[in-house]
């Protein structure tokens, strides 16, 4: 028994320096891996944004293009190297967009290239909206080297101010817009319709939840263009506020400044 214990002690004594050496090497490698050049790549395939039905008072939006590190974390903020490809870009920096600080924050492997777009500088109107695009390529810097295949090193960000007529169809598959309740189609009408629809959440949250399940978060799919299942709710909380908004003299100048072609023909939902 004593011989066995002595052998164990000798074995452990011999192993301890090796274990310490391995641990030391692991720590050293980790530090080098942490502070050296790590791989970086784009994670999201499709990058699109439209102001669409966003309230017209909202003039800017920042879209964060996500990137990820293939490597260790760092205790300091690390800049992301990128390049805007002018040959594949249709937008002017400082006019339609600006880019903020692109970086990986401390203790993280996820970061963003923040692109702020300016609604008032996006040209075109219904139905000929201008579609902008921004081609971003990752490049090497002191912290990162683009990794994976070339498809993960470049992304096209598309943005516009389009408000397209919703995909509402009748039984014959024809796109419809219920003039009986809404008057002539106009983008501002749909913007305000969605705005007042979202406001229902504050007064009838359970009903709102059911309507979202049925029609979509932004009223993308209303069968036949007629929300007959909740017509009373629409009349009280959506159509009536829309009628009041469009017929308030205090709003007229602002509406015309934003949409000179706006038709002031919204029907009175409470008319006999």
Protein backbone atom coordinates (compact mmCIF):
# COMPACT_ATOMS: atom_id res chain seq x y z
CA UNK A 1 0.00 0.00 0.00
CA UNK A 2 2.87 2.38 0.88
CA UNK A 3 4.60 1.60 -2.43
CA UNK A 4 1.40 2.39 -4.32
CA UNK A 5 0.97 5.73 -2.53
CA UNK A 6 4.58 6.66 -3.23
CA UNK A 7 4.12 5.91 -6.93
CA UNK A 8 1.02 8.14 -6.95
CA UNK A 9 2.95 10.98 -5.33
CA UNK A 10 5.79 10.66 -7.84
CA UNK A 11 3.31 10.60 -10.75
CA UNK A 12 1.45 13.68 -9.50
CA UNK A 13 4.69 15.56 -8.91
CA UNK A 14 5.75 14.84 -12.46
CA UNK A 15 2.41 15.89 -13.92
CA UNK A 16 1.97 19.20 -12.11
CA UNK A 17 4.59 21.16 -14.09
CA UNK A 18 3.12 19.89 -17.35
CA UNK A 19 -0.40 20.90 -16.33
CA UNK A 20 0.87 24.32 -15.28
CA UNK A 21 2.65 24.69 -18.61
CA UNK A 22 -0.49 23.75 -20.55
CA UNK A 23 -2.60 26.18 -18.52
CA UNK A 24 -0.04 28.90 -19.08
CA UNK A 25 -0.05 28.24 -22.83
CA UNK A 26 -3.87 28.30 -22.90
CA UNK A 27 -3.96 31.66 -21.10
CA UNK A 28 -1.29 33.05 -23.39
CA UNK A 29 -3.12 31.82 -26.50
CA UNK A 30 -6.39 33.21 -25.24
CA UNK A 31 -4.89 36.64 -24.74
CA UNK A 32 -3.33 36.58 -28.17
CA UNK A 33 -6.61 35.38 -29.68
CA UNK A 34 -8.50 38.04 -27.76
CA UNK A 35 -6.33 40.95 -28.75
CA UNK A 36 -5.24 39.90 -32.21
CA UNK A 37 -7.10 40.07 -35.53
CA UNK A 38 -10.39 38.20 -35.35
CA UNK A 39 -12.68 37.29 -38.20
CA UNK A 40 -15.76 39.42 -38.85
CA UNK A 41 -18.79 38.86 -41.08
CA UNK A 42 -22.35 40.02 -41.80
CA UNK A 43 -25.09 37.92 -40.22
CA UNK A 44 -28.37 39.12 -41.73
CA UNK A 45 -29.05 38.37 -45.39
CA UNK A 46 -31.82 40.83 -46.27
CA UNK A 47 -31.50 44.49 -45.29
CA UNK A 48 -34.54 46.61 -46.16
CA UNK A 49 -36.32 49.56 -44.61
CA UNK A 50 -39.21 51.73 -45.72
CA UNK A 51 -40.77 54.57 -43.76
CA UNK A 52 -44.00 53.32 -45.31
CA UNK A 53 -46.85 53.71 -42.78
CA UNK A 54 -44.62 55.30 -40.15
CA UNK A 55 -46.33 58.52 -38.96
CA UNK A 56 -45.34 61.42 -41.23
CA UNK A 57 -43.94 63.30 -38.22
CA UNK A 58 -41.13 60.72 -38.00
CA UNK A 59 -38.33 62.14 -40.15
CA UNK A 60 -35.35 59.88 -39.41
CA UNK A 61 -34.66 56.23 -38.77
CA UNK A 62 -31.45 54.45 -37.79
CA UNK A 63 -31.02 50.98 -39.20
CA UNK A 64 -28.36 48.87 -37.51
CA UNK A 65 -26.62 46.53 -39.96
CA UNK A 66 -25.52 43.58 -37.79
CA UNK A 67 -22.06 42.01 -37.88
CA UNK A 68 -20.50 39.30 -35.76
CA UNK A 69 -16.99 38.39 -34.66
CA UNK A 70 -15.50 34.96 -35.19
CA UNK A 71 -12.98 35.05 -32.38
CA UNK A 72 -12.53 36.23 -28.83
CA UNK A 73 -13.99 39.13 -26.92
CA UNK A 74 -12.12 42.22 -25.82
CA UNK A 75 -12.34 44.59 -22.89
CA UNK A 76 -12.20 47.58 -25.21
CA UNK A 77 -14.43 48.93 -27.97
CA UNK A 78 -13.21 47.80 -31.39
CA UNK A 79 -13.95 49.72 -34.63
CA UNK A 80 -15.35 47.84 -37.63
CA UNK A 81 -13.62 48.33 -40.95
CA UNK A 82 -16.02 48.91 -43.85
CA UNK A 83 -16.17 50.46 -47.30
CA UNK A 84 -19.09 51.94 -49.25
CA UNK A 85 -18.91 50.62 -52.80
CA UNK A 86 -19.79 53.63 -55.00
CA UNK A 87 -20.38 51.49 -58.09
CA UNK A 88 -23.21 49.60 -56.40
CA UNK A 89 -24.61 52.44 -54.27
CA UNK A 90 -27.48 54.75 -55.21
CA UNK A 91 -27.62 57.28 -52.36
CA UNK A 92 -25.53 60.23 -51.24
CA UNK A 93 -23.88 60.25 -47.84
CA UNK A 94 -24.77 63.37 -45.92
CA UNK A 95 -27.98 63.74 -47.91
CA UNK A 96 -30.09 60.59 -47.84
CA UNK A 97 -28.02 58.88 -45.15
CA UNK A 98 -25.18 59.14 -42.65
CA UNK A 99 -23.26 56.39 -40.88
CA UNK A 100 -22.53 56.51 -37.16
CA UNK A 101 -19.86 54.78 -35.13
CA UNK A 102 -19.44 51.21 -36.37
CA UNK A 103 -17.95 49.05 -33.64
CA UNK A 104 -17.99 45.94 -31.48
CA UNK A 105 -18.68 46.94 -27.90
CA UNK A 106 -16.55 45.61 -25.01
CA UNK A 107 -17.21 42.02 -23.90
CA UNK A 108 -19.25 41.29 -27.02
CA UNK A 109 -18.90 39.51 -30.35
CA UNK A 110 -21.88 41.33 -31.91
CA UNK A 111 -21.81 44.82 -33.36
CA UNK A 112 -23.51 47.13 -35.85
CA UNK A 113 -22.91 49.58 -38.65
CA UNK A 114 -25.59 52.22 -37.88
CA UNK A 115 -27.11 53.90 -40.94
CA UNK A 116 -29.40 56.88 -40.31
CA UNK A 117 -31.71 57.72 -43.21
CA UNK A 118 -33.54 61.02 -43.71
CA UNK A 119 -37.13 60.87 -44.85
CA UNK A 120 -37.34 64.42 -46.19
CA UNK A 121 -34.42 63.73 -48.53
CA UNK A 122 -35.94 60.60 -50.08
CA UNK A 123 -37.35 61.58 -53.43
CA UNK A 124 -40.39 60.43 -55.38
CA UNK A 125 -44.03 60.06 -54.53
CA UNK A 126 -46.80 57.58 -55.18
CA UNK A 127 -46.53 55.56 -57.33
CA UNK A 128 -43.00 56.46 -58.49
CA UNK A 129 -40.96 56.29 -55.31
CA UNK A 130 -37.19 56.43 -55.58
CA UNK A 131 -35.60 53.22 -54.32
CA UNK A 132 -32.22 53.80 -52.71
CA UNK A 133 -29.47 51.27 -52.08
CA UNK A 134 -26.26 51.25 -50.10
CA UNK A 135 -23.57 48.63 -50.73
CA UNK A 136 -21.39 48.00 -47.66
CA UNK A 137 -18.23 45.86 -47.76
CA UNK A 138 -16.24 44.72 -44.75
CA UNK A 139 -12.49 45.42 -44.91
CA UNK A 140 -9.53 44.59 -42.70
CA UNK A 141 -8.31 46.91 -39.98
CA UNK A 142 -6.16 46.62 -36.86
CA UNK A 143 -8.84 44.54 -35.12
CA UNK A 144 -10.64 42.40 -37.68
CA UNK A 145 -10.26 40.56 -40.95
CA UNK A 146 -13.33 39.66 -43.06
CA UNK A 147 -13.95 35.93 -42.83
CA UNK A 148 -16.11 33.12 -44.24
CA UNK A 149 -16.95 33.39 -47.94
CA UNK A 150 -17.34 36.57 -49.98
CA UNK A 151 -21.13 36.45 -49.54
CA UNK A 152 -20.67 37.17 -45.84
CA UNK A 153 -18.46 40.19 -46.51
CA UNK A 154 -20.83 42.41 -48.48
CA UNK A 155 -24.43 43.52 -47.96
CA UNK A 156 -26.89 45.66 -49.91
CA UNK A 157 -29.12 47.86 -47.74
CA UNK A 158 -32.23 49.09 -49.58
CA UNK A 159 -34.45 51.88 -48.30
CA UNK A 160 -37.20 54.22 -49.47
CA UNK A 161 -40.23 56.21 -48.43
CA UNK A 162 -42.79 54.17 -50.31
CA UNK A 163 -46.35 53.70 -49.13
CA UNK A 164 -47.87 51.19 -51.48
CA UNK A 165 -51.53 50.32 -51.65
CA UNK A 166 -52.11 47.34 -49.33
CA UNK A 167 -52.57 43.84 -50.69
CA UNK A 168 -56.34 43.69 -50.32
CA UNK A 169 -58.17 41.60 -52.93
CA UNK A 170 -61.77 40.82 -53.82
CA UNK A 171 -63.14 37.39 -54.71
CA UNK A 172 -61.92 37.81 -58.32
CA UNK A 173 -58.34 38.42 -57.18
CA UNK A 174 -58.46 42.14 -58.01
CA UNK A 175 -56.74 44.63 -55.72
CA UNK A 176 -59.32 46.76 -53.94
CA UNK A 177 -59.53 49.91 -51.83
CA UNK A 178 -62.88 50.51 -50.15
CA UNK A 179 -63.82 54.00 -51.37
CA UNK A 180 -67.14 53.67 -49.54
CA UNK A 181 -65.30 53.93 -46.22
CA UNK A 182 -62.04 55.62 -47.22
CA UNK A 183 -62.59 57.74 -50.32
CA UNK A 184 -59.98 57.84 -53.09
CA UNK A 185 -56.73 55.97 -52.42
CA UNK A 186 -53.90 58.09 -51.07
CA UNK A 187 -50.78 57.09 -49.09
CA UNK A 188 -51.53 59.50 -46.24
CA UNK A 189 -54.89 57.86 -45.67
CA UNK A 190 -53.25 54.49 -45.18
CA UNK A 191 -50.59 56.00 -42.89
CA UNK A 192 -53.27 57.52 -40.65
CA UNK A 193 -55.39 54.39 -40.85
CA UNK A 194 -52.55 52.26 -39.50
CA UNK A 195 -51.71 54.91 -36.90
CA UNK A 196 -55.25 54.91 -35.48
CA UNK A 197 -55.38 51.12 -35.75
CA UNK A 198 -52.31 50.88 -33.50
CA UNK A 199 -53.98 53.26 -31.04
CA UNK A 200 -56.76 50.70 -30.48
CA UNK A 201 -54.22 48.73 -28.44
CA UNK A 202 -54.45 51.32 -25.68
CA UNK A 203 -58.24 51.24 -25.35
CA UNK A 204 -59.12 47.64 -26.30
CA UNK A 205 -55.95 45.55 -26.02
CA UNK A 206 -57.61 42.14 -26.37
CA UNK A 207 -59.64 43.23 -29.39
CA UNK A 208 -56.52 44.76 -30.92
CA UNK A 209 -54.63 41.50 -30.46
CA UNK A 210 -57.36 39.57 -32.28
CA UNK A 211 -57.46 42.10 -35.12
CA UNK A 212 -53.67 41.90 -35.57
CA UNK A 213 -53.97 38.12 -35.87
CA UNK A 214 -56.68 38.58 -38.49
CA UNK A 215 -55.44 41.60 -40.47
CA UNK A 216 -51.72 41.86 -39.72
CA UNK A 217 -49.79 44.36 -37.61
CA UNK A 218 -50.04 47.05 -40.29
CA UNK A 219 -53.33 45.94 -41.86
CA UNK A 220 -51.46 44.05 -44.56
CA UNK A 221 -54.27 41.60 -45.28
CA UNK A 222 -57.90 42.64 -44.99
CA UNK A 223 -60.12 40.21 -46.86
CA UNK A 224 -62.01 42.06 -49.62
CA UNK A 225 -60.64 45.28 -48.10
CA UNK A 226 -63.58 45.24 -45.70
CA UNK A 227 -62.95 44.54 -41.98
CA UNK A 228 -66.55 43.41 -41.57
CA UNK A 229 -65.70 41.25 -38.54
CA UNK A 230 -64.80 44.40 -36.57
CA UNK A 231 -66.64 47.07 -38.53
CA UNK A 232 -68.01 48.71 -35.37
CA UNK A 233 -64.53 48.98 -33.88
CA UNK A 234 -63.16 50.41 -37.13
CA UNK A 235 -65.95 52.95 -37.34
CA UNK A 236 -65.48 54.19 -33.77
CA UNK A 237 -61.70 54.05 -33.33
CA UNK A 238 -60.31 54.37 -36.86
CA UNK A 239 -62.71 55.86 -39.42
CA UNK A 240 -64.11 58.56 -37.13
CA UNK A 241 -60.67 59.81 -35.95
CA UNK A 242 -59.51 59.78 -39.59
CA UNK A 243 -62.51 61.86 -40.65
CA UNK A 244 -61.90 64.33 -37.81
CA UNK A 245 -58.20 64.62 -38.67
CA UNK A 246 -58.69 65.25 -42.38
CA UNK A 247 -61.51 67.74 -41.81
CA UNK A 248 -59.83 69.75 -39.08
CA UNK A 249 -58.89 73.13 -40.60
CA UNK A 250 -55.84 73.23 -38.31
CA UNK A 251 -54.38 70.25 -40.16
CA UNK A 252 -55.07 71.36 -43.71
CA UNK A 253 -51.94 73.45 -44.33
CA UNK A 254 -49.68 70.79 -42.90
CA UNK A 255 -51.31 68.06 -45.00
CA UNK A 256 -50.94 70.10 -48.19
CA UNK A 257 -47.31 70.93 -47.39
CA UNK A 258 -46.52 67.23 -47.15
CA UNK A 259 -48.95 65.98 -49.82
CA UNK A 260 -50.05 68.72 -52.25
CA UNK A 261 -52.19 66.22 -54.14
CA UNK A 262 -54.19 65.04 -51.13
CA UNK A 263 -57.93 64.59 -51.90
CA UNK A 264 -60.03 65.88 -49.01
CA UNK A 265 -62.82 63.41 -49.69
CA UNK A 266 -62.84 61.16 -46.63
CA UNK A 267 -66.46 60.02 -46.09
CA UNK A 268 -68.27 60.78 -42.86
CA UNK A 269 -68.55 57.38 -41.13
CA UNK A 270 -71.49 58.59 -39.05
CA UNK A 271 -73.56 59.88 -41.95
CA UNK A 272 -76.90 58.20 -42.44
